Amino acid sequence: MAWIEGKLETTVTIDASHEEVLAFFKDPNKFRDAFGQMESGEELEEGVWKWTLKEKAEKGIKFQGIYKVKYTTTDNGTSWETLEGNVNSTGSTLIKDLGNGKTELEYKETLKTDLPIPRLMAKVFQPIVGREVTKGITEFLNNATEILEK
């Protein structure tokens, strides 16, 4: 097994109120609609969620992410870290009111997947899978922004 990593650090301006953006990122239940690869999600206890991703099969490798994440909220954002599973996600949001119905979102996430490949193959797969992981994070953030701007 080999861990493959993708990462996204970006700042976006969202055409939605500070309160709406803050409420979205403080409530993981709202993430379901933004997760394009989500099969299911359930809250196990306050602030701890179990996410199950849709199974993917490419180039002879099958993978289904199943992981537990703890979310911690602050006055101006959220941070999270994986407690267990074959996906490891850590990250944070920092949300700033820009006034006039606009909000700045600083988003940081590092996501690693434990693929069923030999470690020696990880160097070959890292660039390809790393791009796909980053693409998935970007898709989530784009979907979240679209939901908030409706």
N, C-alpha and C. Protein backbone atom coordinates (compact mmCIF):
# COMPACT_ATOMS: atom_id res chain seq x y z
N MET A 1 0.84 -1.17 0.00
CA MET A 1 0.00 0.00 0.00
C MET A 1 0.89 1.24 0.00
N ALA A 2 0.42 2.28 -0.70
CA ALA A 2 1.20 3.51 -0.82
C ALA A 2 0.28 4.72 -0.71
N TRP A 3 0.72 5.71 0.05
CA TRP A 3 -0.04 6.95 0.20
C TRP A 3 0.34 7.90 -0.92
N ILE A 4 -0.69 8.41 -1.61
CA ILE A 4 -0.52 9.37 -2.70
C ILE A 4 -1.23 10.66 -2.28
N GLU A 5 -0.58 11.80 -2.47
CA GLU A 5 -1.07 13.07 -1.93
C GLU A 5 -1.45 14.08 -3.01
N GLY A 6 -2.50 14.83 -2.70
CA GLY A 6 -2.88 16.00 -3.47
C GLY A 6 -3.12 17.14 -2.50
N LYS A 7 -2.97 18.37 -2.99
CA LYS A 7 -3.04 19.51 -2.08
C LYS A 7 -3.65 20.70 -2.82
N LEU A 8 -4.42 21.50 -2.06
CA LEU A 8 -4.96 22.74 -2.62
C LEU A 8 -4.90 23.82 -1.55
N GLU A 9 -4.31 24.94 -1.90
CA GLU A 9 -4.31 26.13 -1.05
C GLU A 9 -4.70 27.29 -1.95
N THR A 10 -5.86 27.90 -1.66
CA THR A 10 -6.35 28.96 -2.52
C THR A 10 -7.21 29.93 -1.72
N THR A 11 -7.41 31.10 -2.29
CA THR A 11 -8.33 32.09 -1.73
C THR A 11 -9.30 32.46 -2.83
N VAL A 12 -10.60 32.38 -2.51
CA VAL A 12 -11.64 32.72 -3.48
C VAL A 12 -12.59 33.74 -2.86
N THR A 13 -13.18 34.54 -3.73
CA THR A 13 -14.22 35.46 -3.30
C THR A 13 -15.56 34.87 -3.72
N ILE A 14 -16.47 34.78 -2.77
CA ILE A 14 -17.78 34.17 -3.01
C ILE A 14 -18.85 35.24 -2.91
N ASP A 15 -19.75 35.27 -3.89
CA ASP A 15 -20.87 36.20 -3.88
C ASP A 15 -21.99 35.66 -2.99
N ALA A 16 -21.72 35.66 -1.70
CA ALA A 16 -22.68 35.22 -0.69
C ALA A 16 -22.28 35.90 0.62
N SER A 17 -23.24 36.02 1.50
CA SER A 17 -22.96 36.70 2.77
C SER A 17 -21.99 35.89 3.62
N HIS A 18 -21.30 36.60 4.48
CA HIS A 18 -20.38 35.98 5.43
C HIS A 18 -21.08 34.91 6.25
N GLU A 19 -22.29 35.21 6.70
CA GLU A 19 -23.05 34.27 7.53
C GLU A 19 -23.36 32.98 6.78
N GLU A 20 -23.74 33.10 5.49
CA GLU A 20 -24.06 31.91 4.69
C GLU A 20 -22.83 31.03 4.47
N VAL A 21 -21.71 31.65 4.14
CA VAL A 21 -20.48 30.91 3.89
C VAL A 21 -20.00 30.24 5.17
N LEU A 22 -20.04 30.97 6.27
CA LEU A 22 -19.62 30.43 7.56
C LEU A 22 -20.51 29.26 7.95
N ALA A 23 -21.82 29.41 7.78
CA ALA A 23 -22.76 28.33 8.14
C ALA A 23 -22.50 27.09 7.30
N PHE A 24 -22.21 27.27 6.01
CA PHE A 24 -21.94 26.12 5.14
C PHE A 24 -20.72 25.35 5.62
N PHE A 25 -19.63 26.04 5.84
CA PHE A 25 -18.38 25.34 6.19
C PHE A 25 -18.32 24.88 7.64
N LYS A 26 -19.26 25.30 8.46
CA LYS A 26 -19.34 24.81 9.84
C LYS A 26 -20.25 23.59 9.96
N ASP A 27 -20.96 23.23 8.88
CA ASP A 27 -21.92 22.13 8.92
C ASP A 27 -21.57 21.07 7.88
N PRO A 28 -20.81 20.03 8.26
CA PRO A 28 -20.42 19.00 7.29
C PRO A 28 -21.60 18.33 6.58
N ASN A 29 -22.78 18.35 7.18
CA ASN A 29 -23.96 17.78 6.53
C ASN A 29 -24.24 18.48 5.19
N LYS A 30 -23.86 19.74 5.09
CA LYS A 30 -24.08 20.51 3.86
C LYS A 30 -23.06 20.15 2.78
N PHE A 31 -21.99 19.45 3.13
CA PHE A 31 -20.95 19.09 2.17
C PHE A 31 -21.42 18.07 1.14
N ARG A 32 -22.43 17.26 1.50
CA ARG A 32 -22.88 16.17 0.64
C ARG A 32 -23.12 16.62 -0.80
N ASP A 33 -23.81 17.75 -0.96
CA ASP A 33 -24.15 18.24 -2.30
C ASP A 33 -22.92 18.72 -3.06
N ALA A 34 -21.88 19.10 -2.35
CA ALA A 34 -20.66 19.61 -3.00
C ALA A 34 -19.65 18.50 -3.30
N PHE A 35 -19.76 17.38 -2.60
CA PHE A 35 -18.87 16.23 -2.84
C PHE A 35 -19.34 15.49 -4.08
N GLY A 36 -18.66 15.65 -5.20
CA GLY A 36 -19.05 14.97 -6.41
C GLY A 36 -18.81 13.47 -6.36
N GLN A 37 -17.91 13.03 -5.52
CA GLN A 37 -17.53 11.61 -5.46
C GLN A 37 -18.09 10.91 -4.22
N MET A 38 -19.09 11.52 -3.58
CA MET A 38 -19.63 11.00 -2.32
C MET A 38 -20.64 9.89 -2.55
N GLU A 39 -20.45 8.78 -1.86
CA GLU A 39 -21.47 7.73 -1.83
C GLU A 39 -22.37 7.92 -0.62
N SER A 40 -21.75 8.18 0.55
CA SER A 40 -22.55 8.40 1.76
C SER A 40 -21.73 9.15 2.79
N GLY A 41 -22.44 9.74 3.72
CA GLY A 41 -21.82 10.43 4.84
C GLY A 41 -22.74 10.36 6.04
N GLU A 42 -22.16 10.11 7.20
CA GLU A 42 -22.99 10.07 8.40
C GLU A 42 -22.23 10.64 9.58
N GLU A 43 -22.96 11.34 10.42
CA GLU A 43 -22.35 11.89 11.63
C GLU A 43 -22.35 10.80 12.70
N LEU A 44 -21.17 10.44 13.17
CA LEU A 44 -21.03 9.38 14.17
C LEU A 44 -21.20 9.90 15.58
N GLU A 45 -20.73 11.10 15.79
CA GLU A 45 -20.90 11.83 17.05
C GLU A 45 -20.70 13.29 16.71
N GLU A 46 -20.97 14.17 17.63
CA GLU A 46 -20.88 15.59 17.31
C GLU A 46 -19.49 15.95 16.78
N GLY A 47 -19.47 16.47 15.55
CA GLY A 47 -18.22 16.91 14.94
C GLY A 47 -17.38 15.82 14.29
N VAL A 48 -17.84 14.56 14.34
CA VAL A 48 -17.10 13.45 13.74
C VAL A 48 -17.98 12.80 12.66
N TRP A 49 -17.47 12.78 11.44
CA TRP A 49 -18.22 12.25 10.30
C TRP A 49 -17.48 11.10 9.65
N LYS A 50 -18.26 10.13 9.15
CA LYS A 50 -17.71 9.04 8.36
C LYS A 50 -18.14 9.28 6.92
N TRP A 51 -17.14 9.38 6.04
CA TRP A 51 -17.39 9.60 4.61
C TRP A 51 -17.04 8.34 3.85
N THR A 52 -17.89 7.97 2.90
CA THR A 52 -17.62 6.86 1.99
C THR A 52 -17.71 7.41 0.57
N LEU A 53 -16.61 7.29 -0.15
CA LEU A 53 -16.56 7.77 -1.52
C LEU A 53 -17.00 6.68 -2.49
N LYS A 54 -17.43 7.08 -3.67
CA LYS A 54 -17.78 6.11 -4.70
C LYS A 54 -16.51 5.37 -5.12
N GLU A 55 -16.67 4.07 -5.36
CA GLU A 55 -15.52 3.28 -5.78
C GLU A 55 -15.06 3.73 -7.16
N LYS A 56 -13.75 3.78 -7.33
CA LYS A 56 -13.14 4.11 -8.62
C LYS A 56 -12.28 2.93 -9.05
N ALA A 57 -12.26 2.70 -10.35
CA ALA A 57 -11.40 1.66 -10.89
C ALA A 57 -10.74 2.22 -12.15
N GLU A 58 -9.42 2.32 -12.10
CA GLU A 58 -8.65 2.81 -13.25
C GLU A 58 -7.34 2.06 -13.33
N LYS A 59 -6.97 1.73 -14.56
CA LYS A 59 -5.69 1.08 -14.82
C LYS A 59 -5.46 -0.15 -13.93
N GLY A 60 -6.55 -0.90 -13.69
CA GLY A 60 -6.45 -2.13 -12.90
C GLY A 60 -6.42 -1.93 -11.40
N ILE A 61 -6.60 -0.70 -10.93
CA ILE A 61 -6.57 -0.42 -9.50
C ILE A 61 -7.96 0.01 -9.06
N LYS A 62 -8.49 -0.67 -8.04
CA LYS A 62 -9.79 -0.30 -7.46
C LYS A 62 -9.54 0.41 -6.14
N PHE A 63 -10.34 1.46 -5.90
CA PHE A 63 -10.19 2.20 -4.64
C PHE A 63 -11.52 2.77 -4.22
N GLN A 64 -11.85 2.61 -2.95
CA GLN A 64 -13.02 3.26 -2.36
C GLN A 64 -12.57 3.86 -1.04
N GLY A 65 -12.63 5.18 -0.97
CA GLY A 65 -12.24 5.88 0.24
C GLY A 65 -13.29 5.77 1.32
N ILE A 66 -12.87 5.35 2.51
CA ILE A 66 -13.74 5.30 3.69
C ILE A 66 -12.92 5.85 4.85
N TYR A 67 -13.41 6.95 5.44
CA TYR A 67 -12.61 7.59 6.48
C TYR A 67 -13.46 8.39 7.45
N LYS A 68 -12.94 8.55 8.67
CA LYS A 68 -13.60 9.32 9.73
C LYS A 68 -12.83 10.63 9.93
N VAL A 69 -13.58 11.73 9.97
CA VAL A 69 -12.97 13.05 10.08
C VAL A 69 -13.58 13.81 11.26
N LYS A 70 -12.71 14.47 12.01
CA LYS A 70 -13.16 15.33 13.11
C LYS A 70 -13.07 16.78 12.66
N TYR A 71 -14.19 17.50 12.80
CA TYR A 71 -14.27 18.91 12.43
C TYR A 71 -14.31 19.76 13.68
N THR A 72 -13.54 20.84 13.68
CA THR A 72 -13.49 21.79 14.78
C THR A 72 -13.81 23.16 14.21
N THR A 73 -14.77 23.85 14.81
CA THR A 73 -15.15 25.16 14.29
C THR A 73 -14.62 26.27 15.19
N THR A 74 -14.39 27.42 14.57
CA THR A 74 -13.98 28.62 15.28
C THR A 74 -14.94 29.74 14.86
N ASP A 75 -14.73 30.92 15.36
CA ASP A 75 -15.58 32.05 15.00
C ASP A 75 -15.49 32.39 13.52
N ASN A 76 -14.36 32.08 12.90
CA ASN A 76 -14.18 32.49 11.50
C ASN A 76 -13.78 31.35 10.56
N GLY A 77 -14.16 30.11 10.92
CA GLY A 77 -13.85 29.01 10.01
C GLY A 77 -13.94 27.65 10.65
N THR A 78 -13.29 26.71 9.99
CA THR A 78 -13.32 25.31 10.40
C THR A 78 -11.97 24.69 10.11
N SER A 79 -11.58 23.73 10.94
CA SER A 79 -10.41 22.91 10.62
C SER A 79 -10.84 21.46 10.76
N TRP A 80 -10.10 20.57 10.11
CA TRP A 80 -10.45 19.16 10.18
C TRP A 80 -9.21 18.30 10.07
N GLU A 81 -9.37 17.07 10.57
CA GLU A 81 -8.31 16.07 10.47
C GLU A 81 -8.94 14.69 10.50
N THR A 82 -8.34 13.77 9.74
CA THR A 82 -8.82 12.41 9.68
C THR A 82 -8.40 11.66 10.94
N LEU A 83 -9.33 10.90 11.48
CA LEU A 83 -9.04 10.08 12.65
C LEU A 83 -8.60 8.68 12.25
N GLU A 84 -9.23 8.15 11.19
CA GLU A 84 -8.86 6.82 10.70
C GLU A 84 -9.44 6.62 9.31
N GLY A 85 -8.84 5.68 8.57
CA GLY A 85 -9.35 5.34 7.26
C GLY A 85 -8.26 5.27 6.22
N ASN A 86 -8.67 4.99 4.98
CA ASN A 86 -7.70 4.89 3.89
C ASN A 86 -7.59 6.19 3.10
N VAL A 87 -8.18 7.25 3.63
CA VAL A 87 -8.02 8.61 3.13
C VAL A 87 -7.62 9.45 4.33
N ASN A 88 -6.66 10.34 4.14
CA ASN A 88 -6.24 11.22 5.22
C ASN A 88 -6.40 12.65 4.73
N SER A 89 -7.32 13.37 5.34
CA SER A 89 -7.60 14.75 4.95
C SER A 89 -7.36 15.67 6.14
N THR A 90 -6.55 16.69 5.92
CA THR A 90 -6.37 17.74 6.92
C THR A 90 -6.53 19.06 6.21
N GLY A 91 -7.11 20.02 6.91
CA GLY A 91 -7.29 21.30 6.26
C GLY A 91 -7.96 22.32 7.15
N SER A 92 -8.22 23.49 6.53
CA SER A 92 -8.86 24.56 7.28
C SER A 92 -9.50 25.56 6.32
N THR A 93 -10.45 26.30 6.87
CA THR A 93 -11.04 27.43 6.17
C THR A 93 -10.88 28.65 7.06
N LEU A 94 -10.67 29.79 6.43
CA LEU A 94 -10.67 31.07 7.12
C LEU A 94 -11.60 31.96 6.31
N ILE A 95 -12.64 32.46 6.95
CA ILE A 95 -13.71 33.16 6.24
C ILE A 95 -13.76 34.61 6.71
N LYS A 96 -13.66 35.54 5.74
CA LYS A 96 -13.64 36.97 6.05
C LYS A 96 -14.76 37.69 5.32
N ASP A 97 -15.45 38.55 6.04
CA ASP A 97 -16.52 39.36 5.47
C ASP A 97 -15.91 40.52 4.69
N LEU A 98 -16.21 40.59 3.39
CA LEU A 98 -15.71 41.69 2.55
C LEU A 98 -16.75 42.81 2.41
N GLY A 99 -17.94 42.59 2.96
CA GLY A 99 -19.01 43.57 2.83
C GLY A 99 -19.72 43.44 1.49
N ASN A 100 -20.84 44.12 1.37
CA ASN A 100 -21.63 44.13 0.14
C ASN A 100 -21.97 42.72 -0.37
N GLY A 101 -22.21 41.78 0.54
CA GLY A 101 -22.62 40.43 0.15
C GLY A 101 -21.51 39.58 -0.42
N LYS A 102 -20.27 39.96 -0.17
CA LYS A 102 -19.12 39.17 -0.66
C LYS A 102 -18.31 38.66 0.53
N THR A 103 -17.77 37.47 0.34
CA THR A 103 -17.00 36.83 1.41
C THR A 103 -15.72 36.24 0.82
N GLU A 104 -14.63 36.42 1.54
CA GLU A 104 -13.36 35.81 1.13
C GLU A 104 -13.18 34.50 1.89
N LEU A 105 -12.87 33.46 1.14
CA LEU A 105 -12.63 32.14 1.72
C LEU A 105 -11.20 31.73 1.44
N GLU A 106 -10.44 31.52 2.49
CA GLU A 106 -9.09 30.97 2.38
C GLU A 106 -9.24 29.48 2.68
N TYR A 107 -8.92 28.65 1.70
CA TYR A 107 -9.15 27.21 1.80
C TYR A 107 -7.82 26.47 1.64
N LYS A 108 -7.55 25.58 2.60
CA LYS A 108 -6.33 24.77 2.56
C LYS A 108 -6.72 23.33 2.85
N GLU A 109 -6.27 22.42 2.00
CA GLU A 109 -6.52 21.00 2.25
C GLU A 109 -5.39 20.16 1.65
N THR A 110 -4.95 19.19 2.43
CA THR A 110 -4.04 18.15 1.97
C THR A 110 -4.79 16.84 2.12
N LEU A 111 -4.87 16.10 1.02
CA LEU A 111 -5.61 14.84 1.04
C LEU A 111 -4.71 13.74 0.50
N LYS A 112 -4.60 12.67 1.26
CA LYS A 112 -3.77 11.53 0.87
C LYS A 112 -4.67 10.30 0.77
N THR A 113 -4.42 9.48 -0.24
CA THR A 113 -5.16 8.23 -0.39
C THR A 113 -4.17 7.07 -0.28
N ASP A 114 -4.60 6.03 0.40
CA ASP A 114 -3.78 4.83 0.57
C ASP A 114 -4.17 3.83 -0.51
N LEU A 115 -3.48 3.89 -1.63
CA LEU A 115 -3.83 3.05 -2.78
C LEU A 115 -3.24 1.65 -2.65
N PRO A 116 -3.97 0.66 -3.17
CA PRO A 116 -3.47 -0.72 -3.11
C PRO A 116 -2.45 -1.00 -4.22
N ILE A 117 -1.32 -0.30 -4.11
CA ILE A 117 -0.22 -0.50 -5.06
C ILE A 117 1.07 -0.66 -4.26
N PRO A 118 2.06 -1.36 -4.81
CA PRO A 118 3.35 -1.48 -4.11
C PRO A 118 4.00 -0.10 -3.97
N ARG A 119 4.71 0.08 -2.89
CA ARG A 119 5.37 1.38 -2.64
C ARG A 119 6.30 1.78 -3.78
N LEU A 120 6.93 0.82 -4.40
CA LEU A 120 7.82 1.14 -5.51
C LEU A 120 7.07 1.78 -6.67
N MET A 121 5.80 1.46 -6.82
CA MET A 121 4.99 2.03 -7.90
C MET A 121 4.47 3.43 -7.55
N ALA A 122 4.57 3.82 -6.29
CA ALA A 122 4.04 5.11 -5.86
C ALA A 122 4.67 6.27 -6.64
N LYS A 123 5.94 6.18 -6.92
CA LYS A 123 6.61 7.26 -7.66
C LYS A 123 6.04 7.42 -9.06
N VAL A 124 5.63 6.31 -9.66
CA VAL A 124 5.04 6.35 -10.98
C VAL A 124 3.64 6.96 -10.92
N PHE A 125 2.86 6.56 -9.91
CA PHE A 125 1.47 6.99 -9.81
C PHE A 125 1.29 8.36 -9.17
N GLN A 126 2.25 8.83 -8.36
CA GLN A 126 2.10 10.10 -7.63
C GLN A 126 1.68 11.26 -8.54
N PRO A 127 2.35 11.53 -9.65
CA PRO A 127 1.94 12.67 -10.47
C PRO A 127 0.53 12.54 -11.04
N ILE A 128 0.17 11.34 -11.46
CA ILE A 128 -1.15 11.11 -12.06
C ILE A 128 -2.24 11.18 -11.01
N VAL A 129 -2.09 10.39 -9.96
CA VAL A 129 -3.12 10.32 -8.92
C VAL A 129 -3.15 11.62 -8.12
N GLY A 130 -1.98 12.20 -7.87
CA GLY A 130 -1.92 13.48 -7.15
C GLY A 130 -2.74 14.55 -7.84
N ARG A 131 -2.64 14.60 -9.18
CA ARG A 131 -3.46 15.56 -9.95
C ARG A 131 -4.94 15.27 -9.79
N GLU A 132 -5.31 13.99 -9.80
CA GLU A 132 -6.72 13.61 -9.65
C GLU A 132 -7.24 13.97 -8.26
N VAL A 133 -6.42 13.77 -7.25
CA VAL A 133 -6.81 14.12 -5.88
C VAL A 133 -7.03 15.63 -5.79
N THR A 134 -6.09 16.40 -6.31
CA THR A 134 -6.22 17.86 -6.29
C THR A 134 -7.44 18.29 -7.10
N LYS A 135 -7.69 17.61 -8.21
CA LYS A 135 -8.87 17.90 -9.04
C LYS A 135 -10.15 17.66 -8.22
N GLY A 136 -10.19 16.60 -7.43
CA GLY A 136 -11.35 16.30 -6.58
C GLY A 136 -11.57 17.37 -5.52
N ILE A 137 -10.50 17.85 -4.90
CA ILE A 137 -10.61 18.93 -3.91
C ILE A 137 -11.13 20.20 -4.58
N THR A 138 -10.59 20.51 -5.75
CA THR A 138 -11.01 21.69 -6.50
C THR A 138 -12.48 21.58 -6.90
N GLU A 139 -12.91 20.39 -7.30
CA GLU A 139 -14.31 20.17 -7.66
C GLU A 139 -15.22 20.44 -6.47
N PHE A 140 -14.83 19.95 -5.28
CA PHE A 140 -15.61 20.20 -4.06
C PHE A 140 -15.73 21.70 -3.82
N LEU A 141 -14.61 22.41 -3.88
CA LEU A 141 -14.63 23.85 -3.61
C LEU A 141 -15.45 24.60 -4.65
N ASN A 142 -15.33 24.23 -5.92
CA ASN A 142 -16.14 24.87 -6.97
C ASN A 142 -17.62 24.61 -6.78
N ASN A 143 -17.97 23.36 -6.43
CA ASN A 143 -19.38 23.02 -6.18
C ASN A 143 -19.92 23.78 -4.97
N ALA A 144 -19.12 23.88 -3.90
CA ALA A 144 -19.53 24.62 -2.71
C ALA A 144 -19.77 26.09 -3.05
N THR A 145 -18.87 26.67 -3.84
CA THR A 145 -19.03 28.07 -4.25
C THR A 145 -20.30 28.24 -5.07
N GLU A 146 -20.55 27.32 -5.98
CA GLU A 146 -21.76 27.40 -6.81
C GLU A 146 -23.02 27.30 -5.96
N ILE A 147 -23.04 26.39 -5.00
CA ILE A 147 -24.19 26.23 -4.09
C ILE A 147 -24.43 27.52 -3.31
N LEU A 148 -23.35 28.09 -2.80
CA LEU A 148 -23.47 29.32 -1.99
C LEU A 148 -23.90 30.53 -2.81
N GLU A 149 -23.54 30.57 -4.09
CA GLU A 149 -23.86 31.72 -4.91
C GLU A 149 -25.25 31.65 -5.56
N LYS A 150 -25.96 30.55 -5.34
CA LYS A 150 -27.33 30.44 -5.90
C LYS A 150 -28.32 31.24 -5.10
